[in-house]
Amino acid sequence: MNIAMLGTGYVGLVTGSCFAETGNDVVCVDIDEAKVELLREGRVPFYELGLEELVERNTREGRLSFSTDLGEAVKRAEAVFIAVGTPQVSAGGADLSQVFAVAEDIARAMNGAKIVVTKSTVPVGTAARVREIIEEHTRHGVAVVSNPEFLKEGTAVEDFMKPDRVVLGGDDADSLERLKDLYEPFVRTGKPIILTDTRSAEMSKYAANAILATKISFINETARLCEKEGADIEQVRRIIGLDHRIGPHFIFPGIGYGGSCLPKDIRAMIAMGGEELEMPLLRAVDRINETQKGLLLEKVKDHFGELSGVTLALWGLSFKARTDDMREAPAIRVIDGLLEAGARVRAFDPEAMEEARKRYGERIEFGGSNYEAAEGADALLVLTEWNEFRSPDFPRLKELLRGPVIFDGRNLYDPAAMRRQGFVYHSIGRSGG
């Protein structure tokens, strides 16, 4: 199939590259000329495991190309995917201006019937509005299909190539069948392709993220209760996770969720509910998460009291491992609070250092390695669960730190083992830690 992918962010670039990998001809379009030129060279402007290799190979083999010419891409395409940004507005809802602008651009460029697919995360009813906009500006036939993405940053390529499910929402049977054929190579193990209406498809993305965020906020609130009552959240988590109705996923306590999806989608869902529904559960989920982001900072202040002149090493800056994305990262709350309190911050992250430099410049220092960041620091704060941080050389770390103090925001280490090695160890929701 000839495909035009409008947008080259996480969703657009992963989707376009994976479609090219299965033999389709894909043109990815972006208005940023510098970004397009970078992609033409086979380089990716953000870190996503396995994506650069995919882009380089499919570009070299001629199935994947990049352009700033939306009109030409639409004319050549059978299916046009909208994968532009839908950032949060001040009221919490999604800004759909890019989606609607692109819909009008598609209509003006159409030279025949097209399948238009909304891949961006959009509120319920957006696909219907996209169809209205296109029909206002062209006489050519159009079928609009909602195809929400369920990708996790850090494993997005694997998630696309081996999806749990594919959701296609629309009312045109022929277009749904053609898109079903497009996705067949990815579901050969029997995972379902679900055909539904556009509104249900749009809601499914928000509902999925809402339940995941709810599980995270629930376990984090429970962790605080464990600390108060002297229980161990790791034992509690293991016990409840063995219940098949609950499962072990997304019940790891920490310092809150971040990234480009969960915070934005929770707030967009609250905005959709409006004054009529209020969405009290999701409001609580969001509030708990924002509180949790400040938990490690509270622990640091309780331990040191005055932070002016204290040097603190940070391991991890991205909101999760295997990405360089710092959007809504708990590290931002921690760094901002430490700097405001007069602390000196020295940080290391395997991938997110450049993103942090863009935000903080010379206000914080950066180590060339995790150990370099720790040298001479009064304490270490672990903020992201990178594998590189799971089994460090603790005797070396103890020698490097001015004070043998660790604040573990991801519960990577065993409290008893830390005490045996002479560390003062603070973690989340665990007795003695």
Protein backbone atom coordinates (compact mmCIF):
# COMPACT_ATOMS: atom_id res chain seq x y z
CA MET A 1 0.00 0.00 0.00
CA ASN A 2 1.15 3.57 -0.67
CA ILE A 3 1.00 5.45 2.63
CA ALA A 4 1.43 9.09 3.61
CA MET A 5 2.33 9.55 7.28
CA LEU A 6 1.76 13.14 8.36
CA GLY A 7 3.95 13.76 11.38
CA THR A 8 7.34 12.32 12.34
CA GLY A 9 7.15 12.22 16.13
CA TYR A 10 7.20 9.00 18.15
CA VAL A 11 3.93 7.71 16.75
CA GLY A 12 4.33 8.79 13.13
CA LEU A 13 7.93 7.69 12.72
CA VAL A 14 7.48 4.34 14.44
CA THR A 15 4.27 3.61 12.53
CA GLY A 16 5.68 4.66 9.17
CA SER A 17 8.93 2.73 9.64
CA CYS A 18 7.14 -0.45 10.72
CA PHE A 19 4.76 -0.29 7.75
CA ALA A 20 7.78 0.13 5.46
CA GLU A 21 9.43 -2.87 7.13
CA THR A 22 6.56 -5.07 5.92
CA GLY A 23 6.91 -3.94 2.30
CA ASN A 24 4.70 -0.86 2.04
CA ASP A 25 5.81 2.38 0.37
CA VAL A 26 5.71 5.09 3.02
CA VAL A 27 6.33 8.84 2.80
CA CYS A 28 6.66 10.56 6.17
CA VAL A 29 5.87 14.28 6.01
CA ASP A 30 6.97 17.05 8.36
CA ILE A 31 7.09 20.84 8.10
CA ASP A 32 10.52 20.93 9.81
CA GLU A 33 13.05 20.90 6.94
CA ALA A 34 16.03 20.25 9.21
CA LYS A 35 14.28 17.26 10.78
CA VAL A 36 13.37 15.86 7.36
CA GLU A 37 16.97 16.19 6.18
CA LEU A 38 18.19 14.42 9.31
CA LEU A 39 15.76 11.56 8.70
CA ARG A 40 16.82 11.29 5.07
CA GLU A 41 20.31 10.59 6.37
CA GLY A 42 18.92 7.72 8.43
CA ARG A 43 19.25 9.53 11.74
CA VAL A 44 16.46 9.86 14.32
CA PRO A 45 16.10 13.08 16.37
CA PHE A 46 15.08 11.20 19.54
CA TYR A 47 16.05 7.94 21.19
CA GLU A 48 13.79 4.93 20.71
CA LEU A 49 15.23 1.44 20.91
CA GLY A 50 15.68 -0.13 17.47
CA LEU A 51 14.10 2.75 15.55
CA GLU A 52 17.22 4.25 13.99
CA GLU A 53 18.19 0.89 12.49
CA LEU A 54 14.67 0.51 11.09
CA VAL A 55 14.71 3.99 9.55
CA GLU A 56 18.18 3.56 8.07
CA ARG A 57 17.43 0.15 6.52
CA ASN A 58 14.07 1.05 4.99
CA THR A 59 15.36 4.38 3.70
CA ARG A 60 18.31 2.63 2.07
CA GLU A 61 16.06 0.00 0.51
CA GLY A 62 13.69 2.64 -0.89
CA ARG A 63 10.48 1.80 0.97
CA LEU A 64 10.67 4.76 3.37
CA SER A 65 11.16 8.40 2.38
CA PHE A 66 10.78 11.80 3.97
CA SER A 67 9.33 15.02 2.59
CA THR A 68 8.02 18.47 3.44
CA ASP A 69 5.58 18.29 0.50
CA LEU A 70 2.27 17.23 2.03
CA GLY A 71 0.35 17.74 -1.20
CA GLU A 72 2.49 15.40 -3.28
CA ALA A 73 2.50 12.76 -0.53
CA VAL A 74 -1.31 12.82 -0.30
CA LYS A 75 -1.74 12.58 -4.07
CA ARG A 76 0.41 9.41 -4.21
CA ALA A 77 -1.18 7.76 -1.18
CA GLU A 78 -4.04 5.32 -0.84
CA ALA A 79 -4.11 5.85 2.94
CA VAL A 80 -3.18 9.07 4.73
CA PHE A 81 -2.35 8.79 8.43
CA ILE A 82 -2.63 11.84 10.69
CA ALA A 83 0.03 11.55 13.40
CA VAL A 84 0.58 15.17 14.42
CA GLY A 85 0.78 16.46 17.98
CA THR A 86 -2.21 17.08 20.23
CA PRO A 87 -0.63 18.99 23.13
CA GLN A 88 -2.47 19.80 26.31
CA VAL A 89 -4.15 23.18 26.54
CA SER A 90 -4.37 25.15 29.79
CA ALA A 91 -7.84 23.79 30.60
CA GLY A 92 -6.54 20.21 30.33
CA GLY A 93 -8.07 19.23 27.00
CA ALA A 94 -6.27 18.38 23.79
CA ASP A 95 -5.25 21.05 21.30
CA LEU A 96 -6.59 19.78 17.97
CA SER A 97 -5.49 22.71 15.84
CA GLN A 98 -2.78 20.71 14.07
CA VAL A 99 -5.16 17.82 13.38
CA PHE A 100 -7.80 20.08 11.85
CA ALA A 101 -5.26 22.09 9.86
CA VAL A 102 -3.82 18.91 8.39
CA ALA A 103 -7.33 17.64 7.58
CA GLU A 104 -7.93 20.76 5.50
CA ASP A 105 -4.54 20.37 3.80
CA ILE A 106 -5.39 16.76 2.93
CA ALA A 107 -8.70 17.80 1.39
CA ARG A 108 -7.11 20.47 -0.79
CA ALA A 109 -4.49 17.99 -2.04
CA MET A 110 -6.82 15.06 -2.76
CA ASN A 111 -6.89 13.84 -6.37
CA GLY A 112 -9.27 10.94 -5.75
CA ALA A 113 -10.87 8.89 -3.00
CA LYS A 114 -8.68 8.39 0.07
CA ILE A 115 -8.68 6.57 3.38
CA VAL A 116 -7.77 9.06 6.11
CA VAL A 117 -6.67 7.54 9.41
CA THR A 118 -6.50 9.44 12.70
CA LYS A 119 -3.47 8.00 14.53
CA SER A 120 -2.98 10.92 16.91
CA THR A 121 -4.56 10.57 20.34
CA VAL A 122 -7.73 12.65 20.01
CA PRO A 123 -10.94 13.19 22.01
CA VAL A 124 -14.11 11.35 21.12
CA GLY A 125 -15.76 12.85 18.05
CA THR A 126 -12.56 14.04 16.38
CA ALA A 127 -12.75 11.57 13.48
CA ALA A 128 -16.25 12.82 12.68
CA ARG A 129 -15.03 16.41 12.69
CA VAL A 130 -12.04 15.50 10.47
CA ARG A 131 -14.47 13.98 7.98
CA GLU A 132 -16.62 17.13 8.03
CA ILE A 133 -13.60 19.35 7.38
CA ILE A 134 -12.40 17.22 4.48
CA GLU A 135 -15.86 17.06 2.91
CA GLU A 136 -16.14 20.85 3.19
CA HIS A 137 -13.06 21.29 0.98
CA THR A 138 -13.23 18.48 -1.60
CA ARG A 139 -15.70 16.57 -3.70
CA HIS A 140 -13.59 13.42 -3.67
CA GLY A 141 -14.78 10.52 -1.54
CA VAL A 142 -13.19 10.00 1.87
CA ALA A 143 -13.44 7.35 4.57
CA VAL A 144 -12.13 8.40 7.99
CA VAL A 145 -10.95 5.64 10.31
CA SER A 146 -9.82 5.94 13.92
CA ASN A 147 -6.74 3.79 14.61
CA PRO A 148 -5.47 4.56 18.13
CA GLU A 149 -1.89 3.68 19.04
CA PHE A 150 -0.96 1.67 22.12
CA LEU A 151 2.82 2.14 22.05
CA LYS A 152 5.09 2.42 25.06
CA GLU A 153 8.13 4.65 24.77
CA GLY A 154 11.26 2.50 24.99
CA THR A 155 9.52 -0.52 23.42
CA ALA A 156 7.50 1.23 20.70
CA VAL A 157 8.95 -0.72 17.76
CA GLU A 158 8.37 -4.06 19.47
CA ASP A 159 4.88 -2.98 20.54
CA PHE A 160 3.99 -2.11 16.95
CA MET A 161 5.50 -5.23 15.42
CA LYS A 162 3.86 -7.48 18.04
CA PRO A 163 0.70 -5.68 19.20
CA ASP A 164 -1.70 -6.98 21.85
CA ARG A 165 -4.52 -5.79 19.59
CA VAL A 166 -5.18 -3.48 16.66
CA VAL A 167 -8.23 -1.23 16.81
CA LEU A 168 -9.90 0.15 13.67
CA GLY A 169 -12.96 2.36 14.08
CA GLY A 170 -15.06 3.38 11.10
CA ASP A 171 -18.24 2.82 9.10
CA ASP A 172 -16.85 2.11 5.63
CA ALA A 173 -16.50 -1.66 5.26
CA ASP A 174 -14.13 -1.57 2.28
CA SER A 175 -11.70 0.82 3.99
CA LEU A 176 -11.73 -1.22 7.18
CA GLU A 177 -10.91 -4.37 5.22
CA ARG A 178 -8.03 -2.68 3.41
CA LEU A 179 -6.57 -1.44 6.68
CA LYS A 180 -7.12 -4.85 8.23
CA ASP A 181 -5.01 -6.32 5.40
CA LEU A 182 -2.34 -3.69 6.12
CA TYR A 183 -2.11 -4.85 9.73
CA GLU A 184 -2.32 -8.61 9.09
CA PRO A 185 1.49 -9.14 9.03
CA PHE A 186 1.67 -7.90 12.63
CA VAL A 187 -0.98 -10.24 14.10
CA ARG A 188 0.05 -13.62 12.70
CA THR A 189 0.24 -15.04 16.23
CA GLY A 190 -3.53 -14.64 16.58
CA LYS A 191 -3.82 -11.28 18.30
CA PRO A 192 -7.12 -9.62 17.36
CA ILE A 193 -7.89 -6.83 14.94
CA ILE A 194 -10.97 -5.21 16.43
CA LEU A 195 -13.39 -3.43 14.11
CA THR A 196 -15.62 -0.91 15.84
CA ASP A 197 -17.11 2.56 15.49
CA THR A 198 -14.89 5.66 15.57
CA ARG A 199 -16.11 6.95 18.93
CA SER A 200 -15.44 3.66 20.71
CA ALA A 201 -12.01 3.44 19.10
CA GLU A 202 -11.15 6.97 20.22
CA MET A 203 -12.34 6.30 23.76
CA SER A 204 -10.39 3.03 24.00
CA LYS A 205 -7.03 4.84 23.93
CA TYR A 206 -7.99 7.14 26.78
CA ALA A 207 -9.57 4.35 28.80
CA ALA A 208 -6.46 2.17 28.45
CA ASN A 209 -4.14 4.92 29.67
CA ALA A 210 -6.55 5.86 32.44
CA ILE A 211 -6.56 2.37 33.95
CA LEU A 212 -2.76 2.16 33.76
CA ALA A 213 -2.38 5.53 35.46
CA THR A 214 -4.92 4.49 38.08
CA LYS A 215 -2.91 1.37 38.92
CA ILE A 216 0.26 3.43 39.31
CA SER A 217 -1.38 6.04 41.55
CA PHE A 218 -3.07 3.31 43.58
CA ILE A 219 0.19 1.49 44.33
CA ASN A 220 1.95 4.77 45.13
CA GLU A 221 -0.77 5.80 47.58
CA THR A 222 -0.62 2.32 49.12
CA ALA A 223 3.17 2.69 49.41
CA ARG A 224 2.72 5.82 51.50
CA LEU A 225 0.30 3.94 53.74
CA CYS A 226 2.84 1.12 54.07
CA GLU A 227 5.46 3.58 55.26
CA LYS A 228 3.05 4.98 57.83
CA GLU A 229 2.05 1.54 59.15
CA GLY A 230 5.45 -0.16 58.92
CA ALA A 231 4.52 -2.56 56.11
CA ASP A 232 6.64 -3.37 53.05
CA ILE A 233 5.09 -2.35 49.73
CA GLU A 234 7.26 -4.82 47.82
CA GLN A 235 5.71 -7.71 49.73
CA VAL A 236 2.23 -6.24 49.38
CA ARG A 237 2.76 -5.68 45.64
CA ARG A 238 3.91 -9.25 45.12
CA ILE A 239 0.95 -10.69 47.02
CA ILE A 240 -1.74 -8.70 45.22
CA GLY A 241 -0.04 -9.16 41.85
CA LEU A 242 -0.52 -12.93 42.07
CA ASP A 243 -4.27 -12.39 41.92
CA HIS A 244 -5.09 -12.93 38.23
CA ARG A 245 -7.78 -10.24 38.46
CA ILE A 246 -5.09 -7.67 39.32
CA GLY A 247 -1.88 -8.96 37.74
CA PRO A 248 1.71 -7.83 38.34
CA HIS A 249 1.91 -5.07 35.73
CA PHE A 250 1.94 -1.35 36.55
CA ILE A 251 1.94 -1.89 40.32
CA PHE A 252 5.55 -0.91 40.94
CA PRO A 253 5.80 1.95 43.45
CA GLY A 254 7.96 4.93 42.61
CA ILE A 255 7.96 8.68 42.20
CA GLY A 256 5.09 8.92 39.75
CA TYR A 257 4.43 8.56 36.06
CA GLY A 258 5.37 11.07 33.38
CA GLY A 259 5.90 11.20 29.63
CA SER A 260 3.85 12.45 26.73
CA CYS A 261 0.81 10.21 27.18
CA LEU A 262 -0.47 9.34 30.65
CA PRO A 263 -0.52 12.85 32.21
CA LYS A 264 -1.96 14.48 29.09
CA ASP A 265 -4.52 11.77 28.42
CA ILE A 266 -5.78 11.70 32.01
CA ARG A 267 -6.34 15.46 31.93
CA ALA A 268 -7.96 15.29 28.49
CA MET A 269 -10.37 12.65 29.78
CA ILE A 270 -11.21 14.86 32.77
CA ALA A 271 -11.84 17.74 30.36
CA MET A 272 -14.13 15.54 28.26
CA GLY A 273 -16.21 14.76 31.36
CA GLY A 274 -16.65 18.46 32.07
CA GLU A 275 -18.79 19.79 34.91
CA GLU A 276 -21.49 17.21 34.24
CA LEU A 277 -19.40 14.14 35.16
CA GLU A 278 -16.48 15.78 37.05
CA MET A 279 -14.48 12.50 36.77
CA PRO A 280 -13.57 12.38 40.49
CA LEU A 281 -11.56 9.15 40.24
CA LEU A 282 -9.29 10.48 37.48
CA ARG A 283 -8.90 13.80 39.27
CA ALA A 284 -7.66 11.85 42.29
CA VAL A 285 -5.30 9.79 40.10
CA ASP A 286 -3.76 12.97 38.69
CA ARG A 287 -3.52 14.62 42.11
CA ILE A 288 -1.86 11.57 43.70
CA ASN A 289 0.66 11.43 40.88
CA GLU A 290 1.61 15.08 41.21
CA THR A 291 2.04 14.60 44.97
CA GLN A 292 4.16 11.50 44.43
CA LYS A 293 6.60 13.38 42.20
CA GLY A 294 7.57 15.47 45.21
CA LEU A 295 8.00 12.55 47.61
CA LEU A 296 11.74 12.02 47.14
CA LEU A 297 12.36 15.73 47.52
CA GLU A 298 10.52 15.60 50.86
CA LYS A 299 12.73 12.71 51.98
CA VAL A 300 15.89 14.60 51.02
CA LYS A 301 14.78 17.70 52.91
CA ASP A 302 13.83 15.63 55.97
CA HIS A 303 17.27 14.02 55.98
CA PHE A 304 19.46 17.09 55.41
CA GLY A 305 17.29 19.93 56.66
CA GLU A 306 19.11 22.83 55.04
CA LEU A 307 20.08 22.02 51.43
CA SER A 308 22.09 25.12 50.63
CA GLY A 309 25.58 23.98 49.64
CA VAL A 310 24.64 20.27 49.59
CA THR A 311 25.76 18.38 46.48
CA LEU A 312 23.35 15.73 45.22
CA ALA A 313 24.00 13.19 42.47
CA LEU A 314 21.08 12.17 40.27
CA TRP A 315 20.97 8.91 38.35
CA GLY A 316 18.28 9.18 35.69
CA LEU A 317 16.54 12.13 34.06
CA SER A 318 14.07 10.64 31.55
CA PHE A 319 10.58 9.80 32.77
CA LYS A 320 11.31 6.09 32.24
CA ALA A 321 14.15 3.89 31.05
CA ARG A 322 14.98 3.33 27.36
CA THR A 323 13.91 6.81 26.24
CA ASP A 324 15.36 10.32 26.24
CA ASP A 325 11.91 11.85 26.85
CA MET A 326 11.77 14.23 29.83
CA ARG A 327 8.22 15.46 29.30
CA GLU A 328 6.47 15.50 32.71
CA ALA A 329 9.42 13.53 34.15
CA PRO A 330 9.52 13.31 37.96
CA ALA A 331 13.18 14.36 37.69
CA ILE A 332 12.02 17.85 36.70
CA ARG A 333 10.11 18.31 39.97
CA VAL A 334 13.10 17.00 41.93
CA ILE A 335 15.70 19.17 40.16
CA ASP A 336 13.56 22.30 40.34
CA GLY A 337 13.02 21.77 44.07
CA LEU A 338 16.69 21.09 44.77
CA LEU A 339 17.85 24.15 42.86
CA GLU A 340 15.27 26.33 44.59
CA ALA A 341 16.57 25.08 47.94
CA GLY A 342 20.14 26.00 47.02
CA ALA A 343 21.49 22.51 46.38
CA ARG A 344 24.15 21.71 43.80
CA VAL A 345 22.95 19.09 41.30
CA ARG A 346 25.16 16.74 39.31
CA ALA A 347 23.28 14.34 37.00
CA PHE A 348 23.77 11.41 34.64
CA ASP A 349 21.37 9.66 32.25
CA PRO A 350 22.32 7.24 29.45
CA GLU A 351 20.16 9.06 26.88
CA ALA A 352 18.49 12.20 28.26
CA MET A 353 21.50 14.44 28.95
CA GLU A 354 20.93 16.65 25.90
CA GLU A 355 17.27 17.11 26.77
CA ALA A 356 18.28 18.14 30.28
CA ARG A 357 20.88 20.58 28.92
CA LYS A 358 18.19 22.23 26.81
CA ARG A 359 16.10 22.77 29.92
CA TYR A 360 18.71 23.59 32.55
CA GLY A 361 21.81 24.77 30.69
CA GLU A 362 24.61 25.35 33.19
CA ARG A 363 22.30 25.40 36.20
CA ILE A 364 23.14 21.75 36.81
CA GLU A 365 26.31 19.73 36.16
CA PHE A 366 26.52 16.55 34.12
CA GLY A 367 28.73 13.56 34.79
CA GLY A 368 30.31 11.55 32.00
CA SER A 369 29.16 8.38 33.77
CA ASN A 370 26.98 7.45 36.71
CA TYR A 371 30.07 7.11 38.91
CA GLU A 372 31.47 10.48 37.82
CA ALA A 373 28.18 12.11 38.77
CA ALA A 374 28.37 10.51 42.23
CA GLU A 375 31.94 11.57 43.01
CA GLY A 376 32.03 13.91 46.00
CA ALA A 377 28.25 14.10 46.34
CA ASP A 378 26.57 14.16 49.74
CA ALA A 379 23.93 11.68 48.57
CA LEU A 380 22.69 9.81 45.51
CA LEU A 381 19.13 10.05 44.16
CA VAL A 382 17.95 7.29 41.79
CA LEU A 383 15.18 8.72 39.61
CA THR A 384 14.95 6.41 36.57
CA GLU A 385 15.05 2.60 36.46
CA TRP A 386 17.76 2.18 33.82
CA ASN A 387 19.30 -1.29 33.81
CA GLU A 388 22.72 0.33 34.16
CA PHE A 389 21.76 1.43 37.67
CA ARG A 390 20.40 -1.89 38.96
CA SER A 391 23.65 -3.54 40.04
CA PRO A 392 26.31 -0.87 40.59
CA ASP A 393 29.65 -1.42 42.28
CA PHE A 394 28.48 -0.48 45.77
CA PRO A 395 31.93 -0.44 47.45
CA ARG A 396 33.15 1.91 44.71
CA LEU A 397 30.02 4.02 45.05
CA LYS A 398 30.49 4.27 48.81
CA GLU A 399 34.04 5.50 48.32
CA LEU A 400 32.97 8.10 45.75
CA LEU A 401 30.13 9.58 47.80
CA ARG A 402 31.00 12.08 50.50
CA GLY A 403 28.16 10.61 52.53
CA PRO A 404 26.92 7.01 52.02
CA VAL A 405 23.28 8.06 51.52
CA ILE A 406 20.96 6.80 48.78
CA PHE A 407 17.43 7.99 48.03
CA ASP A 408 15.99 5.31 45.74
CA GLY A 409 12.91 6.58 43.89
CA ARG A 410 12.48 3.30 41.99
CA ASN A 411 13.11 0.68 44.72
CA LEU A 412 15.98 -0.88 42.77
CA TYR A 413 17.94 -2.07 45.79
CA ASP A 414 17.35 -4.26 48.82
CA PRO A 415 17.13 -2.25 52.07
CA ALA A 416 18.81 -4.92 54.20
CA ALA A 417 21.68 -5.29 51.74
CA MET A 418 22.16 -1.54 51.68
CA ARG A 419 22.34 -1.37 55.47
CA ARG A 420 24.87 -4.23 55.57
CA GLN A 421 27.10 -2.28 53.21
CA GLY A 422 26.91 0.80 55.39
CA PHE A 423 24.50 2.94 53.40
CA VAL A 424 21.76 5.13 54.80
CA TYR A 425 19.02 4.02 52.46
CA HIS A 426 15.64 5.63 51.72
CA SER A 427 13.15 4.04 49.32
CA ILE A 428 9.42 4.09 48.62
CA GLY A 429 6.97 2.33 50.93
CA ARG A 430 9.38 -0.14 52.54
CA SER A 431 10.04 -0.59 56.25
CA GLY A 432 13.65 0.09 57.10
CA GLY A 433 14.11 1.84 53.78
